Amino acid sequence: MLSGEKLEIDPSLPVSPKLLENVFRLQEIHHSWNPGLKMIPIYAKTSPVEQLNDGSFSFFSGGVDSTYTFLKHLEKITHVVNIHGFDFYFDSVSGRSSTFSVTDLKDLAQFARKLMLSYDPVSAYLKGMLSKTTLQSLKNYIDSGSAPGKVEADLVKDINKIIAGQLIYKRESFAHVKLRPKTKQLLEQDLQREDLSALNRLLIEDAYPLEMSGKYSGTYQKAMVRNTRFVQSFGKSLIPVETNHYSFGYRYNMSRNLTQGSALASVALLLGFPCVYFPSSFSYDQLYPYGSHPLTDPLYSNGCVEIIHDGCEARRVDKIKKIIKYESALANLRVCFHDVNVNCGKCTKCLRTMIALNLLGAPAGPLPPLPPLKEIRKSQISGDIEMTFFKETVDLALQVENQELQDALRACMERYERIQLFKDFDRVFLGGLIKRVYRRIKKDSPGIRRIDTTPPRD
């Protein structure tokens, strides 16, 4: 749709007649939200669908939305599905080798941009070690803004040479990189060649935690054990699924807001259960164009698999009210932006969940104690989505008459609104001049502009 090209499906891969019909409605909705996504013709052979499995399932990450839907439909749900490579891009599972591969690139677009802009000392250092061929491939990729071409193969080849070479650690280059304990431990040792390669791999992972996948953390396996134990306590089964959705989308600069509904739908149709629940992120009064939406999700149904967008009747704080009624559900709750197994207590998702639990007089469960009010006042709201959840938390504080927390949250919201007003003034009246000057002073990268559900504002 972005390129406006027709889509032809191989005749040996027939499509459900209902799904093919629905896809045109999906195009209409997405084109209405973002006219940059053009209506395109689709040519496919159709064939009736057959049910593959009995029962029903819900997607489950252990967060607020999925836990609420799981508890709400306990009598109907027979399975839950947890996806490797969707909410989080976990560690690689390809063994102990330090060799780097294409699948280890979580976010090719951002990594390429950082290298070519020499965004930080490590990027500048690594760029100087890349071949002319790779540098040209990176330039072509960034300039085209679309298909990666041969950049991945060229980049992986050079990174493996770097990993297998001399120690890349330079104190001045890595001064601002947060090194993991394992990395620090290896730095203090007199290493043989194999261990030196492992150290170089760890150093690159530490320098690019959002762009590179880790080899040795075991994060996903730990999450699987915990979530499997939880759902089995209710007599349900967990199905693990692995996908390249996260890295594939970022390779083409596609926002996960845009693609998350279609990604979940692909798994739902793959497994072929007659009923599938997509846990909602927002209540009906909070809805706006989003990849997973009550308008679009059901349209991925194919006549055999019915997809239900579930939970819009409840706000996030209402979902938490239901979760705290189940001790095991609260104990299993993981909401953190940064780690699927540990709630850091510092990110906004952790903070708003901690505040809601505190206002409801519930145990903190697996989350840390609530920080002092002066720390809460300093919280930075990252965008309109986060603002939505702050507003409902303020409503809860008003409802339970907690004036102190209400004032602290309002201070965060007012600061965000002032910043947005200032940005709008700069955009409308100054053409973004202040933003450009600020980035020049801070030597800040403009970052990646993802293809989203709505057009960019500037």
Protein backbone atom coordinates (compact mmCIF):
# COMPACT_ATOMS: atom_id res chain seq x y z
CA MET A 1 0.00 0.00 0.00
CA LEU A 2 2.86 2.39 0.69
CA SER A 3 4.29 1.94 -2.79
CA GLY A 4 0.86 1.67 -4.45
CA GLU A 5 1.73 -1.61 -6.16
CA LYS A 6 -0.64 -4.48 -6.88
CA LEU A 7 -0.34 -7.65 -4.79
CA GLU A 8 -0.40 -11.03 -6.52
CA ILE A 9 -0.61 -14.22 -4.44
CA ASP A 10 0.79 -17.43 -5.91
CA PRO A 11 -2.18 -19.58 -7.08
CA SER A 12 -0.78 -22.53 -5.12
CA LEU A 13 -1.49 -20.53 -1.93
CA PRO A 14 -5.27 -20.04 -1.92
CA VAL A 15 -6.88 -17.39 0.30
CA SER A 16 -10.13 -17.53 2.25
CA PRO A 17 -12.89 -15.75 0.26
CA LYS A 18 -14.03 -13.95 3.41
CA LEU A 19 -10.53 -12.79 4.31
CA LEU A 20 -9.91 -11.53 0.77
CA GLU A 21 -13.16 -9.55 0.90
CA ASN A 22 -12.31 -8.18 4.35
CA VAL A 23 -8.84 -7.06 3.26
CA PHE A 24 -10.41 -4.45 1.00
CA ARG A 25 -12.31 -3.04 3.99
CA LEU A 26 -9.05 -3.04 5.94
CA GLN A 27 -7.42 -1.06 3.14
CA GLU A 28 -10.24 1.49 3.24
CA ILE A 29 -9.77 2.02 6.97
CA HIS A 30 -5.98 2.33 6.83
CA HIS A 31 -6.15 4.59 3.77
CA SER A 32 -8.63 6.80 5.63
CA TRP A 33 -6.31 6.99 8.64
CA ASN A 34 -3.20 7.56 6.53
CA PRO A 35 -3.73 8.54 2.85
CA GLY A 36 -0.06 7.71 2.25
CA LEU A 37 -1.16 4.06 2.32
CA LYS A 38 -2.81 3.68 -1.09
CA MET A 39 -5.64 1.36 -2.11
CA ILE A 40 -4.22 -1.50 -4.20
CA PRO A 41 -5.68 -4.43 -6.18
CA ILE A 42 -5.10 -7.93 -4.81
CA TYR A 43 -5.14 -11.00 -7.07
CA ALA A 44 -5.52 -14.38 -5.37
CA LYS A 45 -7.13 -17.77 -5.84
CA THR A 46 -9.73 -18.45 -3.13
CA SER A 47 -10.62 -21.64 -1.33
CA PRO A 48 -12.76 -22.53 1.74
CA VAL A 49 -10.91 -22.74 5.05
CA GLU A 50 -10.66 -25.74 7.36
CA GLN A 51 -10.46 -25.59 11.14
CA LEU A 52 -7.07 -26.80 12.42
CA ASN A 53 -7.57 -26.91 16.21
CA ASP A 54 -10.35 -27.07 18.80
CA GLY A 55 -10.87 -24.58 21.59
CA SER A 56 -10.00 -20.89 21.80
CA PHE A 57 -6.96 -18.88 22.78
CA SER A 58 -5.86 -15.42 23.80
CA PHE A 59 -2.52 -13.77 23.26
CA PHE A 60 -0.69 -13.54 26.57
CA SER A 61 2.40 -11.61 27.61
CA GLY A 62 1.73 -11.38 31.35
CA GLY A 63 0.91 -7.66 31.17
CA VAL A 64 -2.23 -5.87 32.32
CA ASP A 65 -4.24 -6.17 29.09
CA SER A 66 -3.55 -9.84 28.36
CA THR A 67 -3.97 -10.90 32.01
CA TYR A 68 -7.34 -9.14 32.16
CA THR A 69 -8.62 -10.86 29.00
CA PHE A 70 -7.33 -14.22 30.27
CA LEU A 71 -9.18 -13.86 33.59
CA LYS A 72 -12.30 -12.49 31.92
CA HIS A 73 -12.66 -15.53 29.63
CA LEU A 74 -11.34 -18.29 31.91
CA GLU A 75 -14.27 -20.57 31.08
CA LYS A 76 -13.81 -20.24 27.30
CA ILE A 77 -10.04 -20.00 26.82
CA THR A 78 -8.24 -23.33 26.45
CA HIS A 79 -4.82 -22.01 25.41
CA VAL A 80 -2.71 -18.86 25.49
CA VAL A 81 -0.06 -17.85 22.95
CA ASN A 82 3.17 -16.08 23.83
CA ILE A 83 5.24 -14.66 20.97
CA HIS A 84 9.02 -14.41 20.78
CA GLY A 85 9.77 -11.32 18.71
CA PHE A 86 6.59 -9.30 19.24
CA ASP A 87 6.38 -7.29 22.48
CA PHE A 88 10.08 -7.87 23.03
CA TYR A 89 12.91 -9.00 20.81
CA PHE A 90 14.69 -11.50 23.02
CA ASP A 91 18.12 -13.06 22.97
CA SER A 92 19.28 -15.21 20.09
CA VAL A 93 18.98 -18.95 20.68
CA SER A 94 21.58 -20.09 18.17
CA GLY A 95 24.15 -21.43 20.62
CA ARG A 96 27.33 -20.10 22.21
CA SER A 97 29.10 -18.96 19.05
CA SER A 98 29.99 -15.27 18.91
CA THR A 99 29.33 -15.19 15.17
CA PHE A 100 26.92 -12.46 14.14
CA SER A 101 24.03 -13.15 11.73
CA VAL A 102 21.30 -11.22 9.95
CA THR A 103 18.71 -12.46 12.47
CA ASP A 104 20.67 -10.71 15.23
CA LEU A 105 19.81 -7.30 13.76
CA LYS A 106 16.81 -6.09 15.76
CA ASP A 107 16.58 -2.64 14.19
CA LEU A 108 18.59 -2.36 11.00
CA ALA A 109 17.18 1.07 10.15
CA GLN A 110 18.25 2.70 13.41
CA PHE A 111 21.62 0.94 13.52
CA ALA A 112 22.44 2.04 9.96
CA ARG A 113 21.48 5.61 10.76
CA LYS A 114 23.62 5.73 13.91
CA LEU A 115 26.63 4.37 12.04
CA MET A 116 26.36 6.74 9.09
CA LEU A 117 25.77 9.81 11.28
CA SER A 118 28.57 8.75 13.67
CA TYR A 119 25.85 9.32 16.25
CA ASP A 120 28.11 8.53 19.24
CA PRO A 121 31.78 7.66 19.85
CA VAL A 122 31.18 3.90 19.42
CA SER A 123 29.33 4.45 16.12
CA ALA A 124 32.12 6.71 14.85
CA TYR A 125 34.70 4.12 15.90
CA LEU A 126 32.88 1.21 14.22
CA LYS A 127 32.17 3.22 11.08
CA GLY A 128 35.91 3.71 10.65
CA MET A 129 36.32 -0.08 10.60
CA LEU A 130 33.70 -0.74 7.90
CA SER A 131 34.62 -1.49 4.29
CA LYS A 132 33.89 0.93 1.44
CA THR A 133 31.40 -1.59 0.07
CA THR A 134 29.45 -1.66 3.33
CA LEU A 135 29.52 2.13 3.68
CA GLN A 136 28.09 2.48 0.17
CA SER A 137 25.40 -0.13 0.91
CA LEU A 138 24.44 1.72 4.10
CA LYS A 139 24.23 5.02 2.20
CA ASN A 140 22.02 3.48 -0.50
CA TYR A 141 19.75 1.94 2.15
CA ILE A 142 19.30 5.18 4.07
CA ASP A 143 18.81 7.25 0.91
CA SER A 144 16.21 4.85 -0.52
CA GLY A 145 14.23 4.57 2.72
CA SER A 146 12.89 1.19 1.63
CA ALA A 147 14.35 -2.21 0.77
CA PRO A 148 17.66 -3.05 2.49
CA GLY A 149 19.16 -4.74 -0.57
CA LYS A 150 22.60 -6.19 0.14
CA VAL A 151 23.31 -3.97 3.15
CA GLU A 152 22.59 -6.76 5.67
CA ALA A 153 25.02 -9.22 4.14
CA ASP A 154 27.74 -6.55 3.82
CA LEU A 155 27.20 -5.28 7.35
CA VAL A 156 27.16 -8.74 8.94
CA LYS A 157 30.38 -9.67 7.12
CA ASP A 158 32.16 -6.59 8.49
CA ILE A 159 30.80 -6.99 12.01
CA ASN A 160 32.07 -10.57 12.14
CA LYS A 161 35.52 -9.37 11.07
CA ILE A 162 35.42 -6.77 13.86
CA ILE A 163 34.28 -9.36 16.43
CA ALA A 164 37.04 -11.80 15.39
CA GLY A 165 39.73 -9.12 15.45
CA GLN A 166 41.44 -7.18 18.21
CA LEU A 167 39.68 -5.95 21.33
CA ILE A 168 37.38 -3.08 20.32
CA TYR A 169 37.07 -1.63 23.82
CA LYS A 170 38.38 1.91 24.15
CA ARG A 171 37.67 3.67 27.42
CA GLU A 172 36.90 7.01 25.75
CA SER A 173 34.60 5.45 23.15
CA PHE A 174 32.62 3.32 25.62
CA ALA A 175 32.54 5.90 28.44
CA HIS A 176 28.77 6.42 28.14
CA VAL A 177 27.85 2.77 27.43
CA LYS A 178 26.19 0.82 30.25
CA LEU A 179 28.16 -2.42 30.40
CA ARG A 180 26.61 -5.61 31.74
CA PRO A 181 28.30 -7.47 34.62
CA LYS A 182 29.36 -10.26 32.23
CA THR A 183 31.06 -7.72 29.94
CA LYS A 184 32.88 -6.08 32.86
CA GLN A 185 33.99 -9.47 34.14
CA LEU A 186 35.53 -10.44 30.79
CA LEU A 187 37.24 -7.05 30.47
CA GLU A 188 39.17 -7.78 33.66
CA GLN A 189 40.52 -11.11 32.38
CA ASP A 190 43.43 -12.09 30.15
CA LEU A 191 41.43 -13.60 27.31
CA GLN A 192 42.12 -16.25 24.70
CA ARG A 193 40.94 -15.71 21.10
CA GLU A 194 37.51 -17.36 21.51
CA ASP A 195 36.73 -15.42 24.70
CA LEU A 196 37.97 -12.20 23.09
CA SER A 197 35.44 -12.65 20.28
CA ALA A 198 32.70 -13.21 22.86
CA LEU A 199 33.75 -10.01 24.64
CA ASN A 200 33.68 -8.00 21.42
CA ARG A 201 30.20 -9.36 20.71
CA LEU A 202 29.02 -8.34 24.19
CA LEU A 203 30.51 -4.86 23.80
CA ILE A 204 28.59 -4.31 20.56
CA GLU A 205 25.37 -5.59 22.17
CA ASP A 206 25.86 -3.26 25.14
CA ALA A 207 26.48 -0.28 22.85
CA TYR A 208 23.33 -1.03 20.81
CA PRO A 209 20.79 -2.68 23.16
CA LEU A 210 17.83 -1.63 20.99
CA GLU A 211 19.48 -2.51 17.69
CA MET A 212 21.21 -5.84 18.44
CA SER A 213 19.94 -9.08 19.89
CA GLY A 214 21.82 -10.64 22.79
CA LYS A 215 23.21 -14.17 22.76
CA TYR A 216 23.41 -15.34 26.32
CA SER A 217 20.70 -13.87 28.56
CA GLY A 218 18.07 -16.64 28.49
CA THR A 219 15.36 -13.97 28.90
CA TYR A 220 12.75 -15.62 26.71
CA GLN A 221 13.17 -19.08 28.25
CA LYS A 222 12.72 -17.61 31.72
CA ALA A 223 9.54 -15.81 30.66
CA MET A 224 8.17 -19.00 29.11
CA VAL A 225 8.69 -21.01 32.28
CA ARG A 226 7.01 -18.34 34.42
CA ASN A 227 3.99 -17.81 32.14
CA THR A 228 3.55 -21.54 31.51
CA ARG A 229 3.46 -22.20 35.25
CA PHE A 230 0.86 -19.44 35.71
CA VAL A 231 -1.60 -20.57 33.00
CA GLN A 232 -1.20 -24.25 33.93
CA SER A 233 -2.40 -23.36 37.44
CA PHE A 234 -5.74 -22.58 35.76
CA GLY A 235 -5.67 -25.75 33.66
CA LYS A 236 -4.68 -23.97 30.44
CA SER A 237 -1.86 -24.62 27.96
CA LEU A 238 0.71 -22.17 26.61
CA ILE A 239 1.78 -22.25 22.96
CA PRO A 240 5.12 -20.53 22.23
CA VAL A 241 5.46 -18.88 18.83
CA GLU A 242 8.54 -17.31 17.28
CA THR A 243 8.35 -14.56 14.65
CA ASN A 244 10.67 -12.14 12.85
CA HIS A 245 7.96 -9.44 12.96
CA TYR A 246 9.95 -7.09 15.19
CA SER A 247 13.14 -7.04 13.13
CA PHE A 248 11.35 -7.34 9.77
CA GLY A 249 9.16 -4.32 10.48
CA TYR A 250 12.03 -2.15 11.64
CA ARG A 251 14.08 -3.19 8.59
CA TYR A 252 11.48 -1.35 6.50
CA ASN A 253 10.84 1.47 9.02
CA MET A 254 7.32 0.27 9.80
CA SER A 255 5.89 1.37 13.12
CA ARG A 256 4.81 -1.40 15.45
CA ASN A 257 1.69 0.68 16.15
CA LEU A 258 0.78 0.11 12.50
CA THR A 259 1.62 -3.60 12.18
CA GLN A 260 0.74 -5.17 15.51
CA GLY A 261 -2.84 -6.15 14.57
CA SER A 262 -1.78 -7.83 11.33
CA ALA A 263 1.11 -9.58 13.11
CA LEU A 264 -1.22 -11.07 15.72
CA ALA A 265 -3.70 -11.99 12.98
CA SER A 266 -1.05 -13.92 11.07
CA VAL A 267 -0.43 -16.07 14.15
CA ALA A 268 -4.16 -16.51 14.77
CA LEU A 269 -4.73 -17.74 11.20
CA LEU A 270 -1.65 -19.94 11.33
CA LEU A 271 -2.88 -21.83 14.40
CA GLY A 272 -6.47 -22.16 13.16
CA PHE A 273 -8.41 -22.09 16.44
CA PRO A 274 -12.10 -21.18 15.91
CA CYS A 275 -11.98 -18.28 18.40
CA VAL A 276 -9.09 -15.92 19.18
CA TYR A 277 -9.02 -12.95 21.59
CA PHE A 278 -6.85 -9.89 20.94
CA PRO A 279 -6.43 -8.04 24.27
CA SER A 280 -7.18 -4.35 23.82
CA SER A 281 -4.83 -1.56 24.86
CA PHE A 282 -7.50 1.14 25.14
CA SER A 283 -11.10 1.56 26.26
CA TYR A 284 -13.83 2.66 23.87
CA ASP A 285 -13.54 6.30 24.97
CA GLN A 286 -9.76 6.31 24.37
CA LEU A 287 -9.69 4.91 20.83
CA TYR A 288 -7.76 6.47 17.96
CA PRO A 289 -6.08 5.04 14.80
CA TYR A 290 -4.00 2.08 15.95
CA GLY A 291 -2.77 -1.18 14.46
CA SER A 292 -4.88 -3.30 16.80
CA HIS A 293 -8.37 -1.80 16.90
CA PRO A 294 -11.97 -3.03 17.30
CA LEU A 295 -12.68 -1.79 13.75
CA THR A 296 -9.84 -3.68 12.09
CA ASP A 297 -9.00 -6.80 14.13
CA PRO A 298 -12.26 -8.69 13.42
CA LEU A 299 -11.70 -8.14 9.68
CA TYR A 300 -8.79 -10.61 9.80
CA SER A 301 -11.33 -13.39 10.52
CA ASN A 302 -11.45 -15.90 7.67
CA GLY A 303 -14.76 -17.72 8.01
CA CYS A 304 -13.27 -20.37 10.27
CA VAL A 305 -11.19 -18.33 12.71
CA GLU A 306 -13.17 -15.63 14.50
CA ILE A 307 -10.98 -12.81 15.84
CA ILE A 308 -12.35 -10.77 18.76
CA HIS A 309 -10.84 -7.48 19.91
CA ASP A 310 -11.47 -7.81 23.65
CA GLY A 311 -11.43 -5.53 26.68
CA CYS A 312 -12.47 -2.12 25.36
CA GLU A 313 -15.15 -1.91 28.01
CA ALA A 314 -12.47 -1.42 30.67
CA ARG A 315 -9.78 1.19 31.19
CA ARG A 316 -6.35 0.09 32.37
CA VAL A 317 -7.14 0.92 36.01
CA ASP A 318 -10.36 -1.13 35.75
CA LYS A 319 -8.36 -4.08 34.46
CA ILE A 320 -5.98 -3.78 37.41
CA LYS A 321 -9.00 -3.90 39.77
CA LYS A 322 -9.88 -7.32 38.34
CA ILE A 323 -6.28 -8.60 38.40
CA ILE A 324 -5.73 -7.85 42.11
CA LYS A 325 -8.60 -10.21 42.95
CA TYR A 326 -6.31 -13.08 41.89
CA GLU A 327 -3.15 -13.36 43.99
CA SER A 328 -1.34 -15.50 41.41
CA ALA A 329 -2.24 -13.09 38.57
CA LEU A 330 -0.81 -10.13 40.48
CA ALA A 331 2.33 -12.11 41.33
CA ASN A 332 2.85 -12.92 37.63
CA LEU A 333 2.19 -9.37 36.39
CA ARG A 334 5.03 -7.96 34.26
CA VAL A 335 4.53 -4.54 32.66
CA CYS A 336 8.06 -3.15 32.22
CA PHE A 337 9.24 -1.51 28.99
CA HIS A 338 12.77 -2.81 29.52
CA ASP A 339 12.57 -6.39 30.80
CA VAL A 340 9.87 -9.00 30.38
CA ASN A 341 10.83 -10.71 33.64
CA VAL A 342 11.61 -7.84 36.03
CA ASN A 343 9.55 -4.70 36.69
CA CYS A 344 12.16 -1.93 36.92
CA GLY A 345 9.88 0.46 38.82
CA LYS A 346 11.29 3.45 36.91
CA CYS A 347 9.77 3.39 33.41
CA THR A 348 6.36 4.99 32.89
CA LYS A 349 4.55 1.64 32.46
CA CYS A 350 5.88 0.43 35.79
CA LEU A 351 5.17 3.76 37.48
CA ARG A 352 1.55 4.07 36.39
CA THR A 353 0.89 0.46 37.42
CA MET A 354 2.51 1.04 40.83
CA ILE A 355 0.46 4.20 41.34
CA ALA A 356 -2.79 2.41 40.44
CA LEU A 357 -2.01 -0.43 42.88
CA ASN A 358 -1.23 2.10 45.60
CA LEU A 359 -4.46 4.05 45.01
CA LEU A 360 -6.46 0.80 45.10
CA GLY A 361 -4.83 -0.19 48.39
CA ALA A 362 -3.49 -3.37 46.79
CA PRO A 363 -0.16 -5.14 47.43
CA ALA A 364 2.69 -4.07 45.14
CA GLY A 365 3.14 -7.69 44.04
CA PRO A 366 6.20 -8.04 41.77
CA LEU A 367 6.66 -4.25 41.50
CA PRO A 368 8.93 -2.14 43.72
CA PRO A 369 7.50 0.20 46.38
CA LEU A 370 6.13 3.51 45.14
CA PRO A 371 8.86 6.19 44.95
CA PRO A 372 8.54 9.51 46.84
CA LEU A 373 6.14 12.10 45.44
CA LYS A 374 8.99 14.40 44.40
CA GLU A 375 10.29 11.61 42.14
CA ILE A 376 6.84 11.02 40.66
CA ARG A 377 6.57 14.74 39.84
CA LYS A 378 9.73 14.44 37.73
CA SER A 379 8.27 11.68 35.52
CA GLN A 380 8.40 12.44 31.81
CA ILE A 381 5.34 11.60 29.73
CA SER A 382 6.63 10.19 26.45
CA GLY A 383 3.65 10.87 24.18
CA ASP A 384 -0.10 11.04 23.72
CA ILE A 385 -0.53 7.32 24.46
CA GLU A 386 1.16 7.70 27.83
CA MET A 387 -0.86 10.86 28.48
CA THR A 388 -4.06 8.83 28.05
CA PHE A 389 -3.04 6.47 30.84
CA PHE A 390 -1.91 9.31 33.13
CA LYS A 391 -5.35 10.92 32.77
CA GLU A 392 -7.17 7.80 33.93
CA THR A 393 -4.77 7.45 36.87
CA VAL A 394 -5.58 11.04 37.89
CA ASP A 395 -9.28 10.13 37.70
CA LEU A 396 -8.62 7.23 40.07
CA ALA A 397 -6.71 9.50 42.48
CA LEU A 398 -9.67 11.90 42.42
CA GLN A 399 -12.09 9.03 43.03
CA VAL A 400 -10.24 7.76 46.12
CA GLU A 401 -9.52 11.35 47.30
CA ASN A 402 -5.73 11.10 47.26
CA GLN A 403 -4.87 14.77 46.73
CA GLU A 404 -1.09 14.32 46.96
CA LEU A 405 -0.83 11.79 44.14
CA GLN A 406 -3.39 13.74 42.13
CA ASP A 407 -1.25 16.89 42.38
CA ALA A 408 1.95 15.01 41.48
CA LEU A 409 0.37 13.44 38.39
CA ARG A 410 -1.20 16.71 37.30
CA ALA A 411 2.22 18.35 37.50
CA CYS A 412 3.56 15.76 35.02
CA MET A 413 0.60 16.28 32.70
CA GLU A 414 0.83 20.07 32.78
CA ARG A 415 4.55 19.93 32.01
CA TYR A 416 3.85 17.65 29.03
CA GLU A 417 1.09 19.98 27.77
CA ARG A 418 3.42 23.00 28.00
CA ILE A 419 6.10 21.15 26.03
CA GLN A 420 3.58 20.16 23.37
CA LEU A 421 2.32 23.74 23.13
CA PHE A 422 5.89 24.97 22.70
CA LYS A 423 6.54 22.36 19.99
CA ASP A 424 3.35 23.32 18.17
CA PHE A 425 4.31 27.00 18.29
CA ASP A 426 7.77 26.18 16.88
CA ARG A 427 6.26 23.99 14.15
CA VAL A 428 3.46 26.37 13.10
CA PHE A 429 5.09 29.77 13.47
CA LEU A 430 8.84 29.09 13.23
CA GLY A 431 8.91 26.13 10.84
CA GLY A 432 10.74 23.91 13.35
CA LEU A 433 13.66 26.35 13.74
CA ILE A 434 14.06 25.84 17.50
CA LYS A 435 14.03 22.06 17.11
CA ARG A 436 16.74 22.18 14.45
CA VAL A 437 18.94 24.49 16.54
CA TYR A 438 18.45 22.31 19.62
CA ARG A 439 19.49 19.17 17.75
CA ARG A 440 22.52 20.92 16.32
CA ILE A 441 23.63 22.04 19.78
CA LYS A 442 22.99 18.63 21.34
CA LYS A 443 24.39 16.82 18.29
CA ASP A 444 21.18 14.84 18.41
CA SER A 445 20.08 12.50 15.62
CA PRO A 446 16.59 13.17 14.17
CA GLY A 447 16.04 9.43 14.51
CA ILE A 448 13.92 7.16 12.37
CA ARG A 449 10.54 8.24 11.07
CA ARG A 450 8.45 5.09 10.98
CA ILE A 451 5.49 4.52 8.69
CA ASP A 452 2.57 4.83 11.11
CA THR A 453 -1.22 4.56 11.25
CA THR A 454 -1.47 8.31 10.68
CA PRO A 455 0.65 10.74 8.60
CA PRO A 456 3.55 12.58 10.28
CA ARG A 457 2.67 15.97 11.70
CA ASP A 458 5.77 17.71 10.32
